[in-house]
Amino acid sequence: MAVDFYRVFEDRYRGSRLLIKERQKIYLEFVAPLSRWQRPLRLVDLGCGRGEWLELLREQGFEALGIDSDDQMLAACRERGLTVATEDVLDWLVRQSENSCDLISAFHLVEHLAVERVDELVCQSLRVLRPGGLLLLETPNPENLLVSTHLFYLDPTHQRPFSPHLLAFLPEFHGFVRTRILRLHGQEADAGAVVRLQDVLEGASQDYAVIAQKAAATGVLEAFDGPFAMVDGIDTTTLAQRYDQQHFAGLQQVDEGIRQMLEREALLRQRLQAVEQQQHSLRLQLDRLSARRNWGISIRLRGLAGHLRHRAGAGLWFFLRRSERVPFVAVWFWRVMGLSPPLLAHLRCFVACRERNREVSVAAGTAPKSERGVEKEPLLDERPFQQAEEAMPASLCFHDGMRQAYARRRSAKGADACES
């Protein structure tokens, strides 16, 4: 590979300096208690790379030393006036005297080393640290499925991912008094947040840190109780459990909605059944009523039908008497009557009723004195009726015999209606 390959690679995929420094501010809570010690502090960053952590410590008033074997990476540190040295990190640790450092940090270094060298790094750090000193190791988190299956292997210099539990076990095994796993850079740990399947696959903390502390007096250790109780990030197992709980709750809501819909359907079916029963009962009553021959019921129906026929005939009679004053209207009237057999029958029926009523009133002596003993002319000339019937198209009504029978039947019914 080219000499400057890894520096260009880091600039593209590691993230900007501002982003990395912002992420690393969380560790300042572990560094702050160190300032209470009344002695010059010695802070060392192994595999310091571009020097974001060294720059952040200097901004907080701490001086730190950076160790890295890549001169191209250290060039960015020297450009910013940071104190760095080109050397293998394990070789440097082996050369240091016991109880000579207060903080040893290594950001994204252990994944580049074999397990044996990581074990040696932890062992030497315990020897070099002063009582109460801290060892800080940050690395990609294989609990995140996207990291463990894709992002980790994007860097060709990565050796193997370290499980958080394995990396935390090494300091415990070598004698550090307490160890903390701190998951970082993942989804918010809010228990009420909605968890999607994508969150289960990608939302767990992308990085984690193991912070280990060397044994010291109780008062020294108590100063770090707050940082060691810091709220942890979230892992894939927790996300999966939340996803299952929310998914199960959603299914329960769906089941409840289906249950309510089924109850409403059953209620609607009951109402529909009641309506159908009521409709069936009314149909039976109507059938019984139609089958009855009771005069008290049928006379009203016949009277209503006769009244409607009488009204239709009266309207035609009124229009006919008015149309006689205008000849062409009278001609048009009879042409229309010739096209409608029912109208012609209604008019003939009405005229017959009036003739019959006049005869009855004269016979009973109830007619006006001017009409008594005087033979009156027919109310209506029969010739227009005959002409209209002769002009009537056969397609609209009947043949001649049927047309005459129809007219006689309508006249007879009209006379009965007038008598009633």
Protein backbone atom coordinates (compact mmCIF):
# COMPACT_ATOMS: atom_id res chain seq x y z
CA MET A 1 0.00 0.00 0.00
CA ALA A 2 0.99 3.61 -0.47
CA VAL A 3 2.61 5.34 2.49
CA ASP A 4 -0.23 7.80 2.96
CA PHE A 5 -3.03 5.23 2.33
CA TYR A 6 -4.25 4.94 5.90
CA ARG A 7 -4.31 8.68 6.52
CA VAL A 8 -6.48 9.26 3.43
CA PHE A 9 -8.65 6.28 4.43
CA GLU A 10 -9.19 7.69 7.94
CA ASP A 11 -10.08 11.11 6.58
CA ARG A 12 -12.85 9.56 4.48
CA TYR A 13 -14.31 6.87 6.76
CA ARG A 14 -13.32 7.72 10.34
CA GLY A 15 -15.24 10.98 10.40
CA SER A 16 -14.23 14.63 10.71
CA ARG A 17 -12.05 15.86 13.55
CA LEU A 18 -14.94 17.88 14.98
CA LEU A 19 -17.19 14.82 15.02
CA ILE A 20 -14.59 12.62 16.74
CA LYS A 21 -13.78 15.29 19.34
CA GLU A 22 -17.48 15.76 20.06
CA ARG A 23 -17.89 12.03 20.62
CA GLN A 24 -14.83 11.84 22.88
CA LYS A 25 -16.08 14.55 25.24
CA ILE A 26 -17.95 11.91 27.20
CA TYR A 27 -14.61 10.64 28.58
CA LEU A 28 -13.76 14.03 30.11
CA GLU A 29 -15.92 13.06 33.09
CA PHE A 30 -13.39 10.32 33.87
CA VAL A 31 -10.44 12.70 33.43
CA ALA A 32 -11.89 15.49 35.62
CA PRO A 33 -11.30 13.69 38.99
CA LEU A 34 -7.62 13.29 38.06
CA SER A 35 -7.16 17.05 38.32
CA ARG A 36 -7.79 16.85 42.09
CA TRP A 37 -4.51 15.01 42.59
CA GLN A 38 -1.86 17.42 43.76
CA ARG A 39 0.82 16.33 41.30
CA PRO A 40 1.69 16.72 37.62
CA LEU A 41 -0.45 14.35 35.57
CA ARG A 42 0.95 12.06 32.90
CA LEU A 43 -1.62 11.15 30.26
CA VAL A 44 -0.72 8.87 27.35
CA ASP A 45 -2.73 8.01 24.22
CA LEU A 46 -1.61 4.82 22.47
CA GLY A 47 -2.27 4.73 18.72
CA CYS A 48 -3.16 8.43 18.81
CA GLY A 49 -3.69 8.66 15.01
CA ARG A 50 -4.73 12.18 13.96
CA GLY A 51 -4.60 13.34 17.62
CA GLU A 52 -8.26 14.35 18.26
CA TRP A 53 -8.09 13.10 21.88
CA LEU A 54 -4.74 14.85 22.49
CA GLU A 55 -6.18 18.09 21.13
CA LEU A 56 -9.30 17.78 23.28
CA LEU A 57 -7.19 17.20 26.44
CA ARG A 58 -5.06 20.25 25.66
CA GLU A 59 -8.21 22.35 25.29
CA GLN A 60 -9.18 21.19 28.83
CA GLY A 61 -5.79 22.18 30.24
CA PHE A 62 -4.12 18.76 30.23
CA GLU A 63 -0.86 17.89 28.49
CA ALA A 64 -0.70 14.41 27.00
CA LEU A 65 1.69 12.31 24.97
CA GLY A 66 0.68 10.47 21.81
CA ILE A 67 2.33 7.24 20.62
CA ASP A 68 1.86 5.82 17.12
CA SER A 69 3.93 3.83 14.64
CA ASP A 70 2.54 5.62 11.55
CA ASP A 71 4.46 8.81 10.76
CA GLN A 72 1.87 9.84 8.17
CA MET A 73 -0.82 9.86 10.85
CA LEU A 74 1.43 11.71 13.29
CA ALA A 75 2.03 14.44 10.70
CA ALA A 76 -1.47 15.79 11.44
CA CYS A 77 -0.57 15.93 15.16
CA ARG A 78 2.71 17.72 14.58
CA GLU A 79 0.95 20.26 12.34
CA ARG A 80 -1.11 21.21 15.43
CA GLY A 81 1.83 21.31 17.81
CA LEU A 82 0.83 18.18 19.74
CA THR A 83 3.43 16.11 21.60
CA VAL A 84 3.81 12.75 19.85
CA ALA A 85 6.39 10.02 19.34
CA THR A 86 6.82 7.40 16.61
CA GLU A 87 7.14 4.01 18.28
CA ASP A 88 5.40 0.68 18.68
CA VAL A 89 2.91 1.01 21.53
CA LEU A 90 3.90 -2.20 23.31
CA ASP A 91 7.59 -1.40 23.05
CA TRP A 92 6.93 1.98 24.60
CA LEU A 93 4.89 0.46 27.46
CA VAL A 94 7.53 -2.12 28.26
CA ARG A 95 10.15 0.64 28.61
CA GLN A 96 8.08 2.65 31.11
CA SER A 97 8.68 2.38 34.84
CA GLU A 98 6.02 1.21 37.29
CA ASN A 99 3.42 3.66 38.63
CA SER A 100 4.42 6.34 36.14
CA CYS A 101 1.14 7.22 34.33
CA ASP A 102 -2.28 8.43 35.43
CA LEU A 103 -4.26 7.65 32.25
CA ILE A 104 -3.57 5.29 29.37
CA SER A 105 -6.04 5.49 26.49
CA ALA A 106 -6.29 3.59 23.21
CA PHE A 107 -9.01 4.58 20.72
CA HIS A 108 -9.72 2.00 18.03
CA LEU A 109 -6.39 0.26 18.55
CA VAL A 110 -7.14 -3.20 19.96
CA GLU A 111 -9.00 -4.35 16.80
CA HIS A 112 -5.73 -3.88 14.90
CA LEU A 113 -3.83 -6.20 17.27
CA ALA A 114 -3.77 -9.93 17.90
CA VAL A 115 -5.35 -11.17 21.11
CA GLU A 116 -1.94 -11.91 22.64
CA ARG A 117 -0.74 -8.35 22.08
CA VAL A 118 -3.97 -6.95 23.54
CA ASP A 119 -3.50 -9.13 26.59
CA GLU A 120 0.06 -7.87 26.92
CA LEU A 121 -1.12 -4.26 26.54
CA VAL A 122 -3.57 -4.65 29.44
CA CYS A 123 -0.99 -6.36 31.62
CA GLN A 124 1.68 -3.68 31.02
CA SER A 125 -0.87 -0.88 31.54
CA LEU A 126 -1.67 -2.22 35.01
CA ARG A 127 2.03 -2.13 35.86
CA VAL A 128 2.60 1.37 34.49
CA LEU A 129 -0.49 3.06 35.95
CA ARG A 130 -0.39 4.76 39.33
CA PRO A 131 -2.90 3.71 42.02
CA GLY A 132 -6.34 4.91 40.94
CA GLY A 133 -5.11 5.33 37.35
CA LEU A 134 -7.41 4.58 34.42
CA LEU A 135 -7.14 2.37 31.35
CA LEU A 136 -9.51 3.44 28.54
CA LEU A 137 -10.02 1.17 25.50
CA GLU A 138 -12.50 2.08 22.74
CA THR A 139 -13.31 -0.27 19.82
CA PRO A 140 -16.11 -1.07 17.34
CA ASN A 141 -19.06 -2.87 18.91
CA PRO A 142 -19.80 -6.26 17.27
CA GLU A 143 -23.22 -6.29 19.03
CA ASN A 144 -24.32 -3.93 16.26
CA LEU A 145 -25.16 -6.23 13.35
CA LEU A 146 -24.23 -3.66 10.72
CA VAL A 147 -20.83 -3.15 12.36
CA SER A 148 -20.05 -6.84 12.87
CA THR A 149 -21.10 -7.88 9.34
CA HIS A 150 -19.99 -4.90 7.25
CA LEU A 151 -18.45 -1.78 8.73
CA PHE A 152 -15.77 -3.57 10.75
CA TYR A 153 -14.31 -5.16 7.62
CA LEU A 154 -14.24 -1.88 5.73
CA ASP A 155 -10.83 -1.21 7.31
CA PRO A 156 -8.31 -3.68 5.78
CA THR A 157 -6.00 -3.41 8.83
CA HIS A 158 -8.60 -4.74 11.29
CA GLN A 159 -7.66 -8.13 12.76
CA ARG A 160 -10.80 -9.24 14.62
CA PRO A 161 -13.73 -7.70 16.54
CA PHE A 162 -13.65 -7.94 20.33
CA SER A 163 -16.74 -8.83 22.28
CA PRO A 164 -17.45 -6.30 25.05
CA HIS A 165 -17.45 -9.08 27.61
CA LEU A 166 -14.08 -10.44 26.45
CA LEU A 167 -12.41 -7.04 26.44
CA ALA A 168 -13.86 -6.28 29.90
CA PHE A 169 -12.69 -9.65 31.22
CA LEU A 170 -9.01 -8.97 30.43
CA PRO A 171 -8.61 -6.06 32.95
CA GLU A 172 -10.54 -8.02 35.57
CA PHE A 173 -8.32 -11.04 35.03
CA HIS A 174 -5.10 -9.03 35.38
CA GLY A 175 -6.18 -7.31 38.61
CA PHE A 176 -7.91 -3.99 37.91
CA VAL A 177 -10.22 -3.19 40.81
CA ARG A 178 -13.26 -2.24 38.74
CA THR A 179 -14.26 -2.31 35.10
CA ARG A 180 -17.08 -0.66 33.21
CA ILE A 181 -18.47 -1.30 29.70
CA LEU A 182 -19.78 1.93 28.18
CA ARG A 183 -21.74 1.54 24.93
CA LEU A 184 -21.61 4.60 22.68
CA HIS A 185 -22.85 6.18 19.46
CA GLY A 186 -26.12 4.29 19.08
CA GLN A 187 -29.84 4.88 19.23
CA GLU A 188 -31.19 6.81 22.19
CA ALA A 189 -31.87 4.53 25.14
CA ASP A 190 -35.34 6.01 25.72
CA ALA A 191 -37.59 3.11 26.66
CA GLY A 192 -40.64 4.80 25.14
CA ALA A 193 -39.14 5.28 21.68
CA VAL A 194 -40.62 3.33 18.79
CA VAL A 195 -38.27 0.53 17.70
CA ARG A 196 -38.31 -0.57 14.05
CA LEU A 197 -36.73 -3.68 12.60
CA GLN A 198 -34.03 -1.48 11.06
CA ASP A 199 -33.21 -0.19 14.55
CA VAL A 200 -32.68 -3.77 15.74
CA LEU A 201 -30.26 -4.36 12.87
CA GLU A 202 -28.40 -1.04 13.02
CA GLY A 203 -29.47 0.87 16.12
CA ALA A 204 -27.26 -0.71 18.78
CA SER A 205 -24.22 1.26 19.92
CA GLN A 206 -21.66 1.29 17.11
CA ASP A 207 -18.73 1.61 19.52
CA TYR A 208 -18.07 0.74 23.13
CA ALA A 209 -15.38 1.50 25.66
CA VAL A 210 -13.96 -0.52 28.52
CA ILE A 211 -12.81 1.72 31.39
CA ALA A 212 -10.77 -0.05 34.06
CA GLN A 213 -9.29 1.45 37.27
CA LYS A 214 -6.29 0.33 39.24
CA ALA A 215 -6.71 -0.29 42.95
CA ALA A 216 -6.21 2.70 45.25
CA ALA A 217 -7.32 4.15 48.56
CA THR A 218 -11.07 4.37 49.14
CA GLY A 219 -11.10 8.15 48.96
CA VAL A 220 -9.39 8.08 45.58
CA LEU A 221 -11.82 5.55 44.14
CA GLU A 222 -14.91 7.39 45.45
CA ALA A 223 -14.02 10.40 43.30
CA PHE A 224 -14.73 8.24 40.22
CA ASP A 225 -18.05 6.76 41.40
CA GLY A 226 -20.09 9.22 39.36
CA PRO A 227 -18.40 8.57 36.00
CA PHE A 228 -18.48 4.81 36.56
CA ALA A 229 -22.25 5.03 37.17
CA MET A 230 -22.79 6.78 33.83
CA VAL A 231 -25.83 5.68 31.83
CA ASP A 232 -24.90 3.01 29.33
CA GLY A 233 -25.91 2.88 25.67
CA ILE A 234 -28.12 0.20 24.17
CA ASP A 235 -27.33 -3.26 22.82
CA THR A 236 -29.01 -5.41 20.20
CA THR A 237 -30.64 -7.69 22.76
CA THR A 238 -32.39 -4.77 24.46
CA LEU A 239 -33.52 -3.39 21.10
CA ALA A 240 -34.84 -6.80 20.06
CA GLN A 241 -36.76 -7.15 23.33
CA ARG A 242 -38.32 -3.70 22.90
CA TYR A 243 -39.19 -4.51 19.30
CA ASP A 244 -40.88 -7.74 20.36
CA GLN A 245 -42.80 -5.99 23.14
CA GLN A 246 -44.01 -3.21 20.86
CA HIS A 247 -44.82 -5.70 18.09
CA PHE A 248 -46.76 -7.87 20.55
CA ALA A 249 -48.59 -4.79 21.88
CA GLY A 250 -49.48 -3.86 18.29
CA LEU A 251 -50.81 -7.35 17.64
CA GLN A 252 -52.88 -7.13 20.81
CA GLN A 253 -54.37 -3.85 19.59
CA VAL A 254 -55.19 -5.48 16.25
CA ASP A 255 -56.79 -8.43 18.04
CA GLU A 256 -58.82 -6.06 20.20
CA GLY A 257 -59.93 -4.14 17.12
CA ILE A 258 -60.97 -7.39 15.40
CA ARG A 259 -62.86 -8.48 18.52
CA GLN A 260 -64.76 -5.19 18.64
CA MET A 261 -65.57 -5.46 14.93
CA LEU A 262 -66.89 -8.99 15.42
CA GLU A 263 -69.06 -7.80 18.30
CA ARG A 264 -70.44 -5.00 16.15
CA GLU A 265 -71.05 -7.46 13.31
CA ALA A 266 -72.95 -9.78 15.65
CA LEU A 267 -75.05 -6.85 16.91
CA LEU A 268 -75.80 -5.74 13.34
CA ARG A 269 -76.75 -9.30 12.42
CA GLN A 270 -79.18 -9.39 15.34
CA ARG A 271 -80.72 -6.10 14.26
CA LEU A 272 -80.95 -7.30 10.66
CA GLN A 273 -82.61 -10.51 11.80
CA ALA A 274 -85.14 -8.52 13.82
CA VAL A 275 -85.87 -6.30 10.80
CA GLU A 276 -86.29 -9.37 8.59
CA GLN A 277 -88.68 -10.92 11.10
CA GLN A 278 -90.67 -7.68 11.27
CA GLN A 279 -90.72 -7.49 7.47
CA HIS A 280 -91.93 -11.09 7.27
CA SER A 281 -94.67 -10.36 9.79
CA LEU A 282 -95.83 -7.30 7.85
CA ARG A 283 -95.80 -9.32 4.62
CA LEU A 284 -98.02 -11.96 6.19
CA GLN A 285 -100.42 -9.30 7.45
CA LEU A 286 -100.53 -7.70 4.01
CA ASP A 287 -101.21 -11.08 2.39
CA ARG A 288 -104.05 -11.77 4.79
CA LEU A 289 -105.46 -8.30 4.17
CA SER A 290 -105.31 -8.79 0.40
CA ALA A 291 -107.05 -12.14 0.64
CA ARG A 292 -109.99 -10.74 2.62
CA ARG A 293 -113.31 -9.96 0.89
CA ASN A 294 -114.63 -7.69 3.62
CA TRP A 295 -116.88 -4.98 2.12
CA GLY A 296 -115.81 -2.44 4.73
CA ILE A 297 -112.27 -2.56 3.44
CA SER A 298 -112.76 -3.03 -0.31
CA ILE A 299 -115.45 -0.32 -0.64
CA ARG A 300 -112.93 2.31 0.35
CA LEU A 301 -110.46 1.14 -2.25
CA ARG A 302 -113.14 1.08 -4.97
CA GLY A 303 -114.36 4.52 -3.90
CA LEU A 304 -110.83 5.91 -4.15
CA ALA A 305 -110.36 4.46 -7.65
CA GLY A 306 -113.71 5.89 -8.80
CA HIS A 307 -112.83 9.29 -7.35
CA LEU A 308 -109.53 9.34 -9.25
CA ARG A 309 -111.26 8.41 -12.52
CA HIS A 310 -113.91 11.09 -11.92
CA ARG A 311 -111.27 13.75 -11.32
CA ALA A 312 -109.43 12.82 -14.52
CA GLY A 313 -112.64 12.99 -16.53
CA ALA A 314 -113.65 16.31 -14.96
CA GLY A 315 -110.34 17.85 -15.94
CA LEU A 316 -110.72 16.71 -19.54
CA TRP A 317 -114.34 17.97 -19.58
CA PHE A 318 -113.29 21.40 -18.35
CA PHE A 319 -110.54 21.66 -20.96
CA LEU A 320 -112.92 20.49 -23.72
CA ARG A 321 -115.56 23.12 -22.92
CA ARG A 322 -112.90 25.85 -23.02
CA SER A 323 -111.33 24.53 -26.26
CA GLU A 324 -114.66 24.73 -28.13
CA ARG A 325 -114.21 28.50 -28.25
CA VAL A 326 -111.02 28.11 -30.33
CA PRO A 327 -111.52 25.73 -33.29
CA PHE A 328 -107.89 24.72 -33.87
CA VAL A 329 -107.49 23.95 -30.14
CA ALA A 330 -110.56 21.70 -30.31
CA VAL A 331 -109.08 19.91 -33.34
CA TRP A 332 -105.78 19.43 -31.48
CA PHE A 333 -107.64 18.19 -28.38
CA TRP A 334 -109.46 15.46 -30.30
CA ARG A 335 -106.29 14.41 -32.06
CA VAL A 336 -104.63 13.92 -28.69
CA MET A 337 -107.65 12.04 -27.43
CA GLY A 338 -107.39 9.80 -30.50
CA LEU A 339 -103.84 8.84 -29.44
CA SER A 340 -104.79 7.93 -25.86
CA PRO A 341 -107.56 5.36 -25.30
CA PRO A 342 -107.53 5.72 -21.48
CA LEU A 343 -108.08 9.49 -21.64
CA LEU A 344 -110.87 9.04 -24.15
CA ALA A 345 -112.50 6.45 -21.90
CA HIS A 346 -112.25 8.73 -18.83
CA LEU A 347 -113.91 11.59 -20.71
CA ARG A 348 -116.71 9.34 -22.01
CA CYS A 349 -117.25 7.99 -18.49
CA PHE A 350 -117.50 11.49 -17.01
CA VAL A 351 -120.01 12.60 -19.63
CA ALA A 352 -122.11 9.50 -19.06
CA CYS A 353 -122.11 10.18 -15.30
CA ARG A 354 -123.26 13.74 -15.79
CA GLU A 355 -126.04 12.58 -18.13
CA ARG A 356 -127.16 9.99 -15.61
CA ASN A 357 -127.05 12.47 -12.71
CA ARG A 358 -129.18 14.92 -14.69
CA GLU A 359 -131.78 12.27 -15.42
CA VAL A 360 -131.90 11.24 -11.76
CA SER A 361 -132.29 14.80 -10.53
CA VAL A 362 -135.14 15.48 -12.98
CA ALA A 363 -136.93 12.28 -11.97
CA ALA A 364 -136.54 13.09 -8.27
CA GLY A 365 -137.78 16.64 -8.72
CA THR A 366 -134.56 18.16 -7.47
CA ALA A 367 -133.57 19.66 -10.83
CA PRO A 368 -133.89 23.43 -11.35
CA LYS A 369 -137.41 24.57 -12.44
CA SER A 370 -136.02 25.67 -15.79
CA GLU A 371 -135.00 22.08 -16.58
CA ARG A 372 -138.19 20.33 -15.36
CA GLY A 373 -140.38 18.97 -18.21
CA VAL A 374 -137.88 20.14 -20.82
CA GLU A 375 -136.01 17.59 -22.88
CA LYS A 376 -132.40 18.53 -22.88
CA GLU A 377 -129.89 17.87 -25.63
CA PRO A 378 -126.98 15.53 -24.88
CA LEU A 379 -124.14 17.19 -23.02
CA LEU A 380 -121.64 16.22 -25.66
CA ASP A 381 -121.89 15.36 -29.32
CA GLU A 382 -121.01 11.71 -29.95
CA ARG A 383 -119.44 12.41 -33.33
CA PRO A 384 -116.06 13.66 -32.05
CA PHE A 385 -115.79 10.49 -29.95
CA GLN A 386 -116.41 8.35 -32.96
CA GLN A 387 -113.97 10.31 -35.12
CA ALA A 388 -111.30 10.06 -32.45
CA GLU A 389 -111.82 6.32 -32.13
CA GLU A 390 -111.70 5.88 -35.91
CA ALA A 391 -108.45 7.90 -36.12
CA MET A 392 -106.84 5.99 -33.26
CA PRO A 393 -103.82 3.91 -34.50
CA ALA A 394 -104.28 0.22 -34.03
CA SER A 395 -100.75 -0.06 -32.53
CA LEU A 396 -101.79 2.16 -29.61
CA CYS A 397 -104.96 0.40 -28.64
CA PHE A 398 -107.14 -2.47 -29.91
CA HIS A 399 -109.09 -3.53 -32.96
CA ASP A 400 -112.57 -2.02 -33.47
CA GLY A 401 -114.50 -4.60 -31.49
CA MET A 402 -112.16 -4.45 -28.53
CA ARG A 403 -112.12 -0.64 -28.60
CA GLN A 404 -115.91 -0.45 -28.41
CA ALA A 405 -116.03 -3.03 -25.62
CA TYR A 406 -113.43 -1.09 -23.72
CA ALA A 407 -115.41 2.15 -24.07
CA ARG A 408 -118.65 0.49 -22.91
CA ARG A 409 -116.96 -1.07 -19.91
CA ARG A 410 -115.42 2.26 -18.86
CA SER A 411 -118.78 4.03 -19.25
CA ALA A 412 -120.57 1.45 -17.14
CA LYS A 413 -117.93 1.65 -14.39
CA GLY A 414 -118.13 5.43 -14.42
CA ALA A 415 -121.90 5.31 -13.93
CA ASP A 416 -121.52 2.91 -10.97
CA ALA A 417 -118.97 5.23 -9.41
CA CYS A 418 -121.34 8.17 -9.70
CA GLU A 419 -124.16 6.21 -8.07
CA SER A 420 -121.88 5.22 -5.22
